[in-house]
Amino acid sequence: DYFKKMQHPLSIKYIDPTYMIRAVPSNANDTVFCSVLAQYAVHAAMAGFTGITVGKVDESFVMLPIHAITKGTRKVNIKGRQFERLMRATEQP
């Protein structure tokens, strides 16, 4: 109402942040990985599991309790090897 009174056009846009996570185009490996994650998530839901997420740990797909992966604070050393690998893998400067 305020903007109407001020005779100022208003346009609100919502940008879903999940679309901004990816830094490079997906490839065939990404497609397979996402398909397997989706299948495991559906199997878990159909089995009645709640409060879990699916992921890959040591080359195995597993169901992980959400509370176990969200507890505590985790920090990334931006001068460390893991961060450097991330930047190279996502082709960022």
N, C-alpha and C. Protein backbone atom coordinates (compact mmCIF):
# COMPACT_ATOMS: atom_id res chain seq x y z
N ASP A 1 0.81 -1.20 0.00
CA ASP A 1 0.00 0.00 0.00
C ASP A 1 0.86 1.27 0.00
N TYR A 2 1.98 1.20 0.70
CA TYR A 2 2.86 2.35 0.78
C TYR A 2 3.35 2.76 -0.61
N PHE A 3 3.77 1.80 -1.39
CA PHE A 3 4.29 2.11 -2.72
C PHE A 3 3.20 2.62 -3.65
N LYS A 4 1.98 2.13 -3.47
CA LYS A 4 0.86 2.66 -4.26
C LYS A 4 0.62 4.12 -3.93
N LYS A 5 0.67 4.44 -2.64
CA LYS A 5 0.47 5.82 -2.22
C LYS A 5 1.58 6.72 -2.78
N MET A 6 2.78 6.19 -2.82
CA MET A 6 3.90 6.97 -3.33
C MET A 6 3.96 6.97 -4.86
N GLN A 7 3.06 6.20 -5.47
CA GLN A 7 3.01 6.04 -6.93
C GLN A 7 4.36 5.59 -7.47
N HIS A 8 4.88 4.60 -6.80
CA HIS A 8 6.17 4.03 -7.19
C HIS A 8 5.96 2.55 -7.50
N PRO A 9 6.31 2.11 -8.71
CA PRO A 9 6.10 0.70 -9.04
C PRO A 9 6.98 -0.22 -8.18
N LEU A 10 6.42 -1.35 -7.81
CA LEU A 10 7.13 -2.29 -6.96
C LEU A 10 7.13 -3.65 -7.63
N SER A 11 8.29 -4.26 -7.68
CA SER A 11 8.42 -5.60 -8.23
C SER A 11 9.29 -6.42 -7.30
N ILE A 12 8.72 -7.48 -6.73
CA ILE A 12 9.46 -8.35 -5.82
C ILE A 12 9.70 -9.67 -6.53
N LYS A 13 10.95 -10.11 -6.52
CA LYS A 13 11.32 -11.36 -7.15
C LYS A 13 11.98 -12.26 -6.13
N TYR A 14 11.65 -13.53 -6.18
CA TYR A 14 12.27 -14.50 -5.30
C TYR A 14 13.20 -15.36 -6.15
N ILE A 15 14.45 -15.42 -5.77
CA ILE A 15 15.41 -16.27 -6.46
C ILE A 15 15.74 -17.43 -5.54
N ASP A 16 15.39 -18.62 -5.95
CA ASP A 16 15.64 -19.81 -5.15
C ASP A 16 17.15 -20.03 -5.05
N PRO A 17 17.72 -20.01 -3.84
CA PRO A 17 19.18 -20.13 -3.70
C PRO A 17 19.73 -21.46 -4.18
N THR A 18 18.91 -22.50 -4.27
CA THR A 18 19.43 -23.79 -4.73
C THR A 18 19.89 -23.72 -6.17
N TYR A 19 19.41 -22.76 -6.93
CA TYR A 19 19.87 -22.63 -8.30
C TYR A 19 21.24 -21.96 -8.39
N MET A 20 21.69 -21.36 -7.32
CA MET A 20 22.95 -20.63 -7.34
C MET A 20 24.11 -21.43 -6.76
N ILE A 21 23.86 -22.63 -6.29
CA ILE A 21 24.90 -23.42 -5.67
C ILE A 21 25.91 -23.92 -6.70
N ARG A 22 25.43 -24.31 -7.83
CA ARG A 22 26.29 -24.92 -8.85
C ARG A 22 27.13 -23.87 -9.56
N ALA A 23 28.42 -24.08 -9.63
CA ALA A 23 29.31 -23.13 -10.27
C ALA A 23 29.68 -23.54 -11.69
N VAL A 24 29.51 -24.82 -12.01
CA VAL A 24 29.83 -25.31 -13.35
C VAL A 24 28.67 -26.17 -13.84
N PRO A 25 28.54 -26.33 -15.15
CA PRO A 25 27.46 -27.17 -15.68
C PRO A 25 27.59 -28.62 -15.20
N SER A 26 26.46 -29.28 -15.04
CA SER A 26 26.50 -30.68 -14.60
C SER A 26 26.99 -31.57 -15.73
N ASN A 27 27.47 -32.74 -15.36
CA ASN A 27 27.92 -33.71 -16.34
C ASN A 27 27.25 -35.05 -16.08
N ALA A 28 27.62 -36.07 -16.81
CA ALA A 28 26.97 -37.38 -16.68
C ALA A 28 27.15 -37.96 -15.29
N ASN A 29 28.32 -37.78 -14.69
CA ASN A 29 28.55 -38.30 -13.33
C ASN A 29 27.61 -37.65 -12.33
N ASP A 30 27.36 -36.36 -12.49
CA ASP A 30 26.44 -35.66 -11.60
C ASP A 30 25.03 -36.23 -11.73
N THR A 31 24.64 -36.52 -12.96
CA THR A 31 23.30 -37.06 -13.20
C THR A 31 23.13 -38.41 -12.52
N VAL A 32 24.11 -39.27 -12.66
CA VAL A 32 24.05 -40.60 -12.02
C VAL A 32 24.05 -40.44 -10.50
N PHE A 33 24.92 -39.60 -9.98
CA PHE A 33 25.00 -39.38 -8.53
C PHE A 33 23.67 -38.89 -7.97
N CYS A 34 23.07 -37.91 -8.62
CA CYS A 34 21.78 -37.38 -8.15
C CYS A 34 20.67 -38.42 -8.25
N SER A 35 20.70 -39.22 -9.29
CA SER A 35 19.69 -40.28 -9.44
C SER A 35 19.79 -41.29 -8.31
N VAL A 36 21.01 -41.69 -7.97
CA VAL A 36 21.20 -42.66 -6.89
C VAL A 36 20.79 -42.06 -5.55
N LEU A 37 21.15 -40.80 -5.31
CA LEU A 37 20.71 -40.15 -4.07
C LEU A 37 19.19 -40.11 -3.98
N ALA A 38 18.55 -39.79 -5.09
CA ALA A 38 17.08 -39.74 -5.10
C ALA A 38 16.48 -41.11 -4.82
N GLN A 39 17.04 -42.15 -5.41
CA GLN A 39 16.54 -43.51 -5.17
C GLN A 39 16.68 -43.90 -3.70
N TYR A 40 17.83 -43.60 -3.12
CA TYR A 40 18.02 -43.91 -1.70
C TYR A 40 17.06 -43.11 -0.82
N ALA A 41 16.82 -41.87 -1.17
CA ALA A 41 15.89 -41.05 -0.39
C ALA A 41 14.47 -41.62 -0.45
N VAL A 42 14.07 -42.07 -1.63
CA VAL A 42 12.73 -42.66 -1.78
C VAL A 42 12.65 -43.97 -1.00
N HIS A 43 13.69 -44.81 -1.09
CA HIS A 43 13.70 -46.07 -0.34
C HIS A 43 13.60 -45.80 1.15
N ALA A 44 14.32 -44.82 1.63
CA ALA A 44 14.27 -44.48 3.05
C ALA A 44 12.88 -44.02 3.46
N ALA A 45 12.27 -43.17 2.64
CA ALA A 45 10.93 -42.68 2.95
C ALA A 45 9.91 -43.81 2.93
N MET A 46 10.02 -44.68 1.94
CA MET A 46 9.07 -45.80 1.85
C MET A 46 9.27 -46.80 3.00
N ALA A 47 10.47 -46.85 3.55
CA ALA A 47 10.74 -47.72 4.70
C ALA A 47 10.29 -47.07 6.01
N GLY A 48 9.84 -45.82 5.93
CA GLY A 48 9.33 -45.14 7.11
C GLY A 48 10.36 -44.35 7.90
N PHE A 49 11.56 -44.20 7.35
CA PHE A 49 12.57 -43.42 8.06
C PHE A 49 12.25 -41.93 7.97
N THR A 50 12.45 -41.25 9.08
CA THR A 50 12.30 -39.79 9.12
C THR A 50 13.52 -39.22 9.82
N GLY A 51 13.78 -37.95 9.62
CA GLY A 51 14.91 -37.32 10.29
C GLY A 51 16.25 -37.78 9.77
N ILE A 52 16.27 -38.22 8.51
CA ILE A 52 17.53 -38.67 7.92
C ILE A 52 17.76 -37.96 6.59
N THR A 53 18.98 -38.04 6.13
CA THR A 53 19.32 -37.61 4.78
C THR A 53 20.21 -38.69 4.19
N VAL A 54 20.35 -38.70 2.90
CA VAL A 54 21.19 -39.70 2.27
C VAL A 54 22.45 -39.03 1.74
N GLY A 55 23.53 -39.77 1.72
CA GLY A 55 24.78 -39.23 1.23
C GLY A 55 25.74 -40.35 0.91
N LYS A 56 26.92 -39.98 0.47
CA LYS A 56 27.95 -40.96 0.12
C LYS A 56 29.11 -40.80 1.09
N VAL A 57 29.46 -41.89 1.76
CA VAL A 57 30.57 -41.90 2.72
C VAL A 57 31.47 -43.08 2.35
N ASP A 58 32.73 -42.79 2.08
CA ASP A 58 33.70 -43.83 1.73
C ASP A 58 33.18 -44.74 0.62
N GLU A 59 32.70 -44.15 -0.44
CA GLU A 59 32.23 -44.88 -1.63
C GLU A 59 30.98 -45.72 -1.40
N SER A 60 30.29 -45.51 -0.29
CA SER A 60 29.03 -46.21 -0.02
C SER A 60 27.93 -45.19 0.21
N PHE A 61 26.76 -45.47 -0.32
CA PHE A 61 25.61 -44.61 -0.07
C PHE A 61 24.99 -45.02 1.25
N VAL A 62 24.75 -44.04 2.11
CA VAL A 62 24.28 -44.30 3.47
C VAL A 62 23.16 -43.35 3.84
N MET A 63 22.42 -43.75 4.89
CA MET A 63 21.42 -42.88 5.48
C MET A 63 22.03 -42.29 6.75
N LEU A 64 21.99 -40.98 6.87
CA LEU A 64 22.61 -40.30 8.00
C LEU A 64 21.55 -39.54 8.80
N PRO A 65 21.57 -39.66 10.12
CA PRO A 65 20.64 -38.87 10.93
C PRO A 65 20.96 -37.38 10.80
N ILE A 66 19.95 -36.59 10.54
CA ILE A 66 20.18 -35.16 10.33
C ILE A 66 20.81 -34.52 11.57
N HIS A 67 20.37 -34.92 12.75
CA HIS A 67 20.94 -34.30 13.97
C HIS A 67 22.44 -34.56 14.08
N ALA A 68 22.91 -35.67 13.56
CA ALA A 68 24.34 -36.00 13.66
C ALA A 68 25.20 -35.15 12.72
N ILE A 69 24.62 -34.73 11.60
CA ILE A 69 25.44 -33.96 10.66
C ILE A 69 25.26 -32.45 10.81
N THR A 70 24.30 -32.04 11.63
CA THR A 70 24.09 -30.60 11.81
C THR A 70 24.56 -30.08 13.15
N LYS A 71 25.02 -30.97 14.02
CA LYS A 71 25.46 -30.50 15.34
C LYS A 71 26.85 -29.89 15.24
N GLY A 72 27.07 -28.89 16.02
CA GLY A 72 28.38 -28.25 16.06
C GLY A 72 28.64 -27.34 14.88
N THR A 73 29.71 -26.59 15.01
CA THR A 73 30.12 -25.66 13.95
C THR A 73 31.30 -26.26 13.21
N ARG A 74 31.24 -26.17 11.90
CA ARG A 74 32.35 -26.66 11.09
C ARG A 74 32.92 -25.48 10.32
N LYS A 75 34.22 -25.43 10.25
CA LYS A 75 34.88 -24.33 9.55
C LYS A 75 35.78 -24.89 8.46
N VAL A 76 35.90 -24.14 7.39
CA VAL A 76 36.76 -24.52 6.28
C VAL A 76 37.98 -23.61 6.30
N ASN A 77 39.13 -24.23 6.25
CA ASN A 77 40.38 -23.47 6.17
C ASN A 77 40.56 -23.03 4.72
N ILE A 78 40.40 -21.75 4.45
CA ILE A 78 40.47 -21.29 3.06
C ILE A 78 41.89 -21.29 2.51
N LYS A 79 42.84 -21.62 3.35
CA LYS A 79 44.22 -21.76 2.87
C LYS A 79 44.63 -23.23 2.82
N GLY A 80 43.68 -24.12 3.07
CA GLY A 80 43.99 -25.55 3.12
C GLY A 80 43.80 -26.25 1.79
N ARG A 81 44.23 -27.50 1.76
CA ARG A 81 44.18 -28.31 0.55
C ARG A 81 42.73 -28.61 0.11
N GLN A 82 41.84 -28.88 1.08
CA GLN A 82 40.46 -29.18 0.72
C GLN A 82 39.80 -28.01 -0.01
N PHE A 83 40.03 -26.81 0.49
CA PHE A 83 39.44 -25.64 -0.14
C PHE A 83 40.02 -25.44 -1.54
N GLU A 84 41.31 -25.67 -1.68
CA GLU A 84 41.94 -25.54 -2.99
C GLU A 84 41.35 -26.55 -3.98
N ARG A 85 41.14 -27.76 -3.53
CA ARG A 85 40.52 -28.78 -4.38
C ARG A 85 39.11 -28.37 -4.79
N LEU A 86 38.36 -27.83 -3.84
CA LEU A 86 37.01 -27.36 -4.14
C LEU A 86 37.02 -26.29 -5.21
N MET A 87 37.91 -25.33 -5.07
CA MET A 87 37.98 -24.24 -6.04
C MET A 87 38.37 -24.74 -7.43
N ARG A 88 39.27 -25.69 -7.49
CA ARG A 88 39.67 -26.24 -8.79
C ARG A 88 38.56 -27.09 -9.38
N ALA A 89 37.89 -27.88 -8.57
CA ALA A 89 36.83 -28.75 -9.06
C ALA A 89 35.64 -27.95 -9.61
N THR A 90 35.39 -26.80 -9.00
CA THR A 90 34.27 -25.98 -9.45
C THR A 90 34.68 -24.90 -10.42
N GLU A 91 35.96 -24.96 -10.82
CA GLU A 91 36.51 -24.02 -11.80
C GLU A 91 36.32 -22.56 -11.42
N GLN A 92 36.57 -22.28 -10.15
CA GLN A 92 36.48 -20.90 -9.67
C GLN A 92 37.89 -20.31 -9.58
N PRO A 93 38.00 -19.00 -9.70
CA PRO A 93 39.33 -18.37 -9.66
C PRO A 93 39.98 -18.46 -8.28
